[in-house]
């Protein structure tokens, strides 16, 4: 992960810019300053992939730089451009550079935590899929047809990042922190496997699962549940929907990757995979006994 940022601004000694620099450095980033002049930027050896432009003062001074960055992004989609400015400056910048080529625009005053989160996502290899709100992908360009495609649905951002970093080495990976986003996305784009968190706000994992099973487009997509709960009654409710597996968090990225590989291997052999995480103490007879009388 290349955690270097090219910070473009006319006044790097400005108090706010200095404060942002310290925040970025505290988050592990190396900050390289440059004036908004393409020639100066071109002269930088080993140019970072992250461009952060702080629009301040006369925004027309940044026009040539934005045009230059546009050419770099079109030539290499691993480059990311972030803008910071007031609403008018940001809107004017869209006249210079295609809005879709801007990874994220922040209005001043910027929340540095939000900025660092977005920088982390870019450095991790994510590419924002602007056509599907709330869903991000772990690759640039088109999907690799030689890889299986996975969607991870979990409201834990740090978990999403760590799992994406591991799984994207072998799979096309989409991520979202919302069951609603997942349902909307999957109406248009089918995946080979869904890793679904049980506990999520607004639309829980179980509710998301039931919706997916009710839609023709998603009824057959395999689902593996992920949860920190080892309650037998919860497990029973999940098992009634017949997911492919039920894994208990925390789980290491390497173990999850191996579990996913094992699933696809069994699928290729025509075998079912209804194994339950061995760390969950379950006696199926006990589960049956726990059912209300009217359900037996």
Protein backbone atom coordinates (compact mmCIF):
# COMPACT_ATOMS: atom_id res chain seq x y z
CA UNK A 1 0.00 0.00 0.00
CA UNK A 2 1.54 3.29 -1.20
CA UNK A 3 0.54 5.82 1.45
CA UNK A 4 1.91 8.92 -0.25
CA UNK A 5 -0.24 11.94 -1.02
CA UNK A 6 0.49 14.78 -3.41
CA UNK A 7 -1.05 17.79 -1.66
CA UNK A 8 -1.62 20.66 -4.11
CA UNK A 9 -2.17 24.13 -2.69
CA UNK A 10 -0.82 27.63 -3.16
CA UNK A 11 -0.16 28.21 0.55
CA UNK A 12 1.11 25.03 2.26
CA UNK A 13 2.20 27.13 5.25
CA UNK A 14 -1.45 28.01 5.93
CA UNK A 15 -2.51 27.00 9.46
CA UNK A 16 -5.36 24.74 8.23
CA UNK A 17 -3.12 23.07 5.66
CA UNK A 18 -0.45 22.47 8.30
CA UNK A 19 -3.04 20.93 10.64
CA UNK A 20 -4.24 18.63 7.86
CA UNK A 21 -0.68 17.63 7.09
CA UNK A 22 -0.11 16.62 10.72
CA UNK A 23 -3.32 14.59 10.74
CA UNK A 24 -2.34 12.79 7.56
CA UNK A 25 1.14 12.06 8.86
CA UNK A 26 -0.34 10.73 12.12
CA UNK A 27 -2.40 8.34 9.98
CA UNK A 28 0.78 7.06 8.33
CA UNK A 29 0.78 9.15 5.16
CA UNK A 30 3.77 10.85 3.57
CA UNK A 31 2.68 14.28 2.35
CA UNK A 32 4.38 15.84 -0.67
CA UNK A 33 3.43 19.45 -1.36
CA UNK A 34 3.25 21.08 -4.77
CA UNK A 35 2.05 24.37 -6.19
CA UNK A 36 -0.80 24.15 -8.72
CA UNK A 37 1.54 24.13 -11.70
CA UNK A 38 1.69 21.08 -14.02
CA UNK A 39 5.39 21.62 -14.77
CA UNK A 40 6.29 21.46 -11.09
CA UNK A 41 4.16 18.36 -10.61
CA UNK A 42 5.69 16.66 -13.65
CA UNK A 43 9.15 17.22 -12.18
CA UNK A 44 8.32 15.12 -9.09
CA UNK A 45 9.95 11.72 -9.39
CA UNK A 46 7.85 8.67 -8.55
CA UNK A 47 4.63 10.67 -8.46
CA UNK A 48 2.11 9.47 -5.81
CA UNK A 49 -1.15 7.88 -6.94
CA UNK A 50 -3.22 10.04 -4.59
CA UNK A 51 -3.79 13.69 -5.58
CA UNK A 52 -5.32 16.00 -2.98
CA UNK A 53 -6.19 19.47 -4.27
CA UNK A 54 -7.16 22.16 -1.77
CA UNK A 55 -9.06 24.79 -3.76
CA UNK A 56 -8.51 28.16 -2.16
CA UNK A 57 -8.62 31.69 -3.48
CA UNK A 58 -8.81 32.07 -7.25
CA UNK A 59 -9.95 28.63 -8.43
CA UNK A 60 -8.92 29.39 -12.00
CA UNK A 61 -5.29 28.99 -10.87
CA UNK A 62 -6.03 25.27 -10.50
CA UNK A 63 -7.57 24.75 -13.95
CA UNK A 64 -4.39 23.63 -15.69
CA UNK A 65 -3.54 21.30 -12.82
CA UNK A 66 -7.01 19.73 -12.88
CA UNK A 67 -6.72 19.19 -16.63
CA UNK A 68 -3.32 17.58 -16.09
CA UNK A 69 -4.69 15.27 -13.40
CA UNK A 70 -7.57 14.35 -15.69
CA UNK A 71 -5.08 13.07 -18.27
CA UNK A 72 -3.20 11.08 -15.61
CA UNK A 73 -6.38 9.43 -14.32
CA UNK A 74 -7.57 8.53 -17.81
CA UNK A 75 -4.18 6.94 -18.48
CA UNK A 76 -4.08 5.05 -15.17
CA UNK A 77 -7.23 4.30 -13.16
CA UNK A 78 -5.13 3.55 -10.09
CA UNK A 79 -4.72 7.31 -9.70
CA UNK A 80 -7.21 9.06 -7.39
CA UNK A 81 -8.13 12.73 -7.20
CA UNK A 82 -9.65 14.29 -4.06
CA UNK A 83 -10.89 17.88 -3.94
CA UNK A 84 -11.40 20.14 -0.95
CA UNK A 85 -13.12 23.50 -1.34
CA UNK A 86 -16.27 25.54 -0.89
CA UNK A 87 -19.36 24.44 -2.88
CA UNK A 88 -18.83 27.05 -5.60
CA UNK A 89 -15.17 26.14 -6.15
CA UNK A 90 -16.02 22.44 -6.30
CA UNK A 91 -18.89 23.02 -8.74
CA UNK A 92 -16.64 25.17 -10.95
CA UNK A 93 -14.02 22.42 -11.01
CA UNK A 94 -16.56 20.11 -12.65
CA UNK A 95 -16.41 22.38 -15.69
CA UNK A 96 -12.71 21.60 -16.00
CA UNK A 97 -12.55 17.90 -15.17
CA UNK A 98 -15.10 15.13 -15.64
CA UNK A 99 -16.91 14.76 -12.31
CA UNK A 100 -16.80 10.96 -12.62
CA UNK A 101 -12.99 11.08 -12.53
CA UNK A 102 -12.98 12.70 -9.08
CA UNK A 103 -12.85 10.06 -6.37
CA UNK A 104 -14.34 12.33 -3.71
CA UNK A 105 -14.99 16.04 -3.13
CA UNK A 106 -15.10 17.47 0.40
CA UNK A 107 -16.60 20.80 1.37
CA UNK A 108 -14.64 23.02 3.72
CA UNK A 109 -14.23 22.73 6.63
CA UNK A 110 -13.32 19.11 5.97
CA UNK A 111 -13.63 16.36 8.57
CA UNK A 112 -10.11 14.91 8.51
CA UNK A 113 -11.33 11.54 9.80
CA UNK A 114 -13.67 11.21 6.82
CA UNK A 115 -10.87 12.30 4.50
CA UNK A 116 -8.43 9.75 5.90
CA UNK A 117 -11.05 7.00 5.64
CA UNK A 118 -11.49 7.74 1.94
CA UNK A 119 -7.73 7.89 1.41
CA UNK A 120 -7.39 4.51 3.14
CA UNK A 121 -10.02 3.05 0.83
CA UNK A 122 -8.22 4.37 -2.25
CA UNK A 123 -4.84 3.10 -1.02
CA UNK A 124 -6.36 -0.31 -0.34
CA UNK A 125 -7.23 -0.66 -4.01
CA UNK A 126 -10.90 0.20 -3.93
CA UNK A 127 -12.51 1.83 -6.89
CA UNK A 128 -15.74 3.67 -6.16
CA UNK A 129 -18.54 2.32 -8.33
CA UNK A 130 -20.45 5.54 -8.87
CA UNK A 131 -23.29 3.79 -10.70
CA UNK A 132 -24.23 1.79 -7.61
CA UNK A 133 -24.64 3.99 -4.57
CA UNK A 134 -23.04 2.68 -1.44
CA UNK A 135 -21.27 -0.22 -3.14
CA UNK A 136 -17.53 -0.27 -3.71
CA UNK A 137 -15.38 -2.66 -5.67
CA UNK A 138 -11.88 -3.92 -5.09
CA UNK A 139 -10.70 -3.64 -8.67
CA UNK A 140 -10.40 -1.09 -11.44
CA UNK A 141 -11.80 -1.53 -14.90
CA UNK A 142 -13.79 -4.65 -15.68
CA UNK A 143 -14.11 -7.76 -13.55
CA UNK A 144 -11.54 -10.50 -14.12
CA UNK A 145 -13.60 -13.21 -15.84
CA UNK A 146 -11.19 -15.84 -14.52
CA UNK A 147 -12.10 -15.00 -10.91
CA UNK A 148 -15.23 -15.66 -8.89
CA UNK A 149 -17.11 -12.59 -7.71
CA UNK A 150 -18.00 -12.01 -4.05
CA UNK A 151 -20.03 -9.39 -2.22
CA UNK A 152 -19.30 -8.66 1.45
CA UNK A 153 -22.11 -6.99 3.41
CA UNK A 154 -21.10 -5.77 6.86
CA UNK A 155 -21.53 -2.52 8.81
CA UNK A 156 -18.05 -2.85 10.36
CA UNK A 157 -15.81 -0.74 8.11
CA UNK A 158 -12.53 -2.07 9.50
CA UNK A 159 -13.74 -5.64 8.97
CA UNK A 160 -14.72 -4.83 5.39
CA UNK A 161 -11.28 -3.42 4.66
CA UNK A 162 -9.35 -6.34 6.11
CA UNK A 163 -11.52 -8.93 4.38
CA UNK A 164 -11.36 -7.06 1.09
CA UNK A 165 -7.58 -6.84 1.23
CA UNK A 166 -7.33 -10.59 1.71
CA UNK A 167 -10.09 -11.80 -0.61
CA UNK A 168 -9.33 -9.46 -3.52
CA UNK A 169 -6.06 -11.30 -4.12
CA UNK A 170 -8.08 -14.22 -5.51
CA UNK A 171 -11.57 -12.86 -6.18
CA UNK A 172 -13.46 -9.91 -7.61
CA UNK A 173 -14.86 -8.27 -4.47
CA UNK A 174 -17.73 -5.83 -3.96
CA UNK A 175 -18.38 -4.40 -0.51
CA UNK A 176 -21.16 -2.45 1.16
CA UNK A 177 -22.10 -1.62 4.74
CA UNK A 178 -25.84 -1.78 4.10
CA UNK A 179 -28.30 -4.59 3.38
CA UNK A 180 -30.44 -2.14 1.41
CA UNK A 181 -27.50 -1.23 -0.82
CA UNK A 182 -26.75 -4.91 -1.35
CA UNK A 183 -30.35 -5.70 -2.36
CA UNK A 184 -30.48 -2.79 -4.82
CA UNK A 185 -27.11 -3.68 -6.32
CA UNK A 186 -27.90 -7.38 -6.70
CA UNK A 187 -31.08 -6.66 -8.60
CA UNK A 188 -28.83 -5.58 -11.48
CA UNK A 189 -25.59 -7.51 -10.93
CA UNK A 190 -25.34 -11.16 -9.90
CA UNK A 191 -22.39 -12.42 -7.86
CA UNK A 192 -21.12 -15.93 -7.10
CA UNK A 193 -21.23 -15.68 -3.30
CA UNK A 194 -22.44 -13.28 -0.58
CA UNK A 195 -20.75 -12.95 2.82
CA UNK A 196 -23.50 -11.46 4.97
CA UNK A 197 -23.25 -10.02 8.47
CA UNK A 198 -26.11 -11.06 10.75
CA UNK A 199 -26.28 -7.87 12.83
CA UNK A 200 -26.76 -4.66 10.85
CA UNK A 201 -28.84 -1.51 11.42
CA UNK A 202 -32.02 -0.68 9.46
CA UNK A 203 -32.10 -3.96 7.53
CA UNK A 204 -30.61 -6.88 9.44
CA UNK A 205 -28.66 -9.68 7.81
CA UNK A 206 -31.55 -12.09 8.26
CA UNK A 207 -34.02 -9.62 6.72
CA UNK A 208 -31.62 -9.01 3.86
CA UNK A 209 -31.29 -12.77 3.37
CA UNK A 210 -35.07 -13.24 3.22
CA UNK A 211 -35.42 -10.48 0.63
CA UNK A 212 -32.68 -12.04 -1.50
CA UNK A 213 -34.43 -15.40 -1.31
CA UNK A 214 -37.72 -13.82 -2.42
CA UNK A 215 -36.30 -12.25 -5.58
CA UNK A 216 -35.87 -14.27 -8.77
CA UNK A 217 -32.54 -12.59 -9.56
CA UNK A 218 -31.01 -13.45 -6.19
CA UNK A 219 -32.83 -16.56 -5.01
CA UNK A 220 -29.99 -18.92 -5.96
CA UNK A 221 -26.97 -16.84 -4.88
CA UNK A 222 -25.09 -18.76 -2.13
CA UNK A 223 -24.87 -16.96 1.21
CA UNK A 224 -22.45 -17.44 4.09
CA UNK A 225 -23.48 -15.69 7.31
CA UNK A 226 -20.93 -13.92 9.50
CA UNK A 227 -21.77 -13.03 13.08
CA UNK A 228 -20.36 -12.51 16.54
CA UNK A 229 -23.41 -14.18 18.09
CA UNK A 230 -23.22 -17.84 19.11
CA UNK A 231 -26.77 -18.03 20.48
CA UNK A 232 -28.45 -21.30 19.50
CA UNK A 233 -31.81 -19.71 18.72
CA UNK A 234 -30.18 -17.22 16.36
CA UNK A 235 -28.33 -20.05 14.64
CA UNK A 236 -31.59 -21.94 14.22
CA UNK A 237 -33.33 -18.96 12.62
CA UNK A 238 -30.44 -18.60 10.19
CA UNK A 239 -30.35 -22.33 9.38
CA UNK A 240 -34.02 -22.34 8.49
CA UNK A 241 -33.14 -20.26 5.42
CA UNK A 242 -30.52 -22.83 4.38
CA UNK A 243 -27.43 -20.65 3.91
CA UNK A 244 -24.22 -22.30 2.74
CA UNK A 245 -22.42 -21.71 6.00
CA UNK A 246 -22.48 -19.80 9.29
CA UNK A 247 -19.16 -18.45 10.56
CA UNK A 248 -18.41 -16.88 13.90
CA UNK A 249 -16.50 -13.59 14.11
CA UNK A 250 -13.80 -12.66 14.81
CA UNK A 251 -12.34 -14.69 11.98
CA UNK A 252 -8.92 -14.17 10.44
CA UNK A 253 -8.73 -13.08 6.79
CA UNK A 254 -6.70 -16.20 5.91
CA UNK A 255 -9.30 -18.55 7.41
CA UNK A 256 -12.16 -16.74 5.69
CA UNK A 257 -10.30 -16.85 2.38
CA UNK A 258 -9.71 -20.58 2.79
CA UNK A 259 -13.39 -21.10 3.67
CA UNK A 260 -14.44 -19.31 0.50
CA UNK A 261 -11.98 -21.32 -1.59
CA UNK A 262 -13.26 -24.56 -0.04
CA UNK A 263 -16.83 -23.57 -0.82
CA UNK A 264 -16.10 -22.95 -4.50
CA UNK A 265 -14.13 -26.20 -4.69
CA UNK A 266 -17.08 -28.15 -3.26
CA UNK A 267 -19.46 -26.29 -5.54
CA UNK A 268 -17.37 -27.30 -8.55
CA UNK A 269 -17.63 -30.94 -7.42
CA UNK A 270 -21.39 -30.62 -7.06
CA UNK A 271 -21.26 -31.00 -3.28
CA UNK A 272 -23.35 -29.06 -0.82
CA UNK A 273 -21.64 -27.00 1.85
CA UNK A 274 -23.84 -26.71 4.91
CA UNK A 275 -21.05 -26.89 7.48
CA UNK A 276 -21.33 -24.76 10.60
CA UNK A 277 -18.39 -23.06 12.24
CA UNK A 278 -17.05 -25.66 14.72
CA UNK A 279 -16.57 -22.98 17.36
CA UNK A 280 -20.36 -22.64 17.69
CA UNK A 281 -21.59 -25.22 20.22
CA UNK A 282 -24.71 -26.54 18.53
CA UNK A 283 -26.75 -29.65 19.12
CA UNK A 284 -29.37 -29.84 16.38
CA UNK A 285 -31.70 -31.83 18.65
CA UNK A 286 -31.46 -29.06 21.21
CA UNK A 287 -32.31 -26.57 18.50
CA UNK A 288 -35.37 -28.58 17.59
CA UNK A 289 -36.42 -28.64 21.23
CA UNK A 290 -36.07 -24.87 21.39
CA UNK A 291 -38.69 -24.38 18.67
CA UNK A 292 -42.10 -23.13 19.75
CA UNK A 293 -44.73 -25.88 19.72
CA UNK A 294 -46.58 -24.42 16.74
CA UNK A 295 -43.39 -24.54 14.65
CA UNK A 296 -42.62 -28.24 15.34
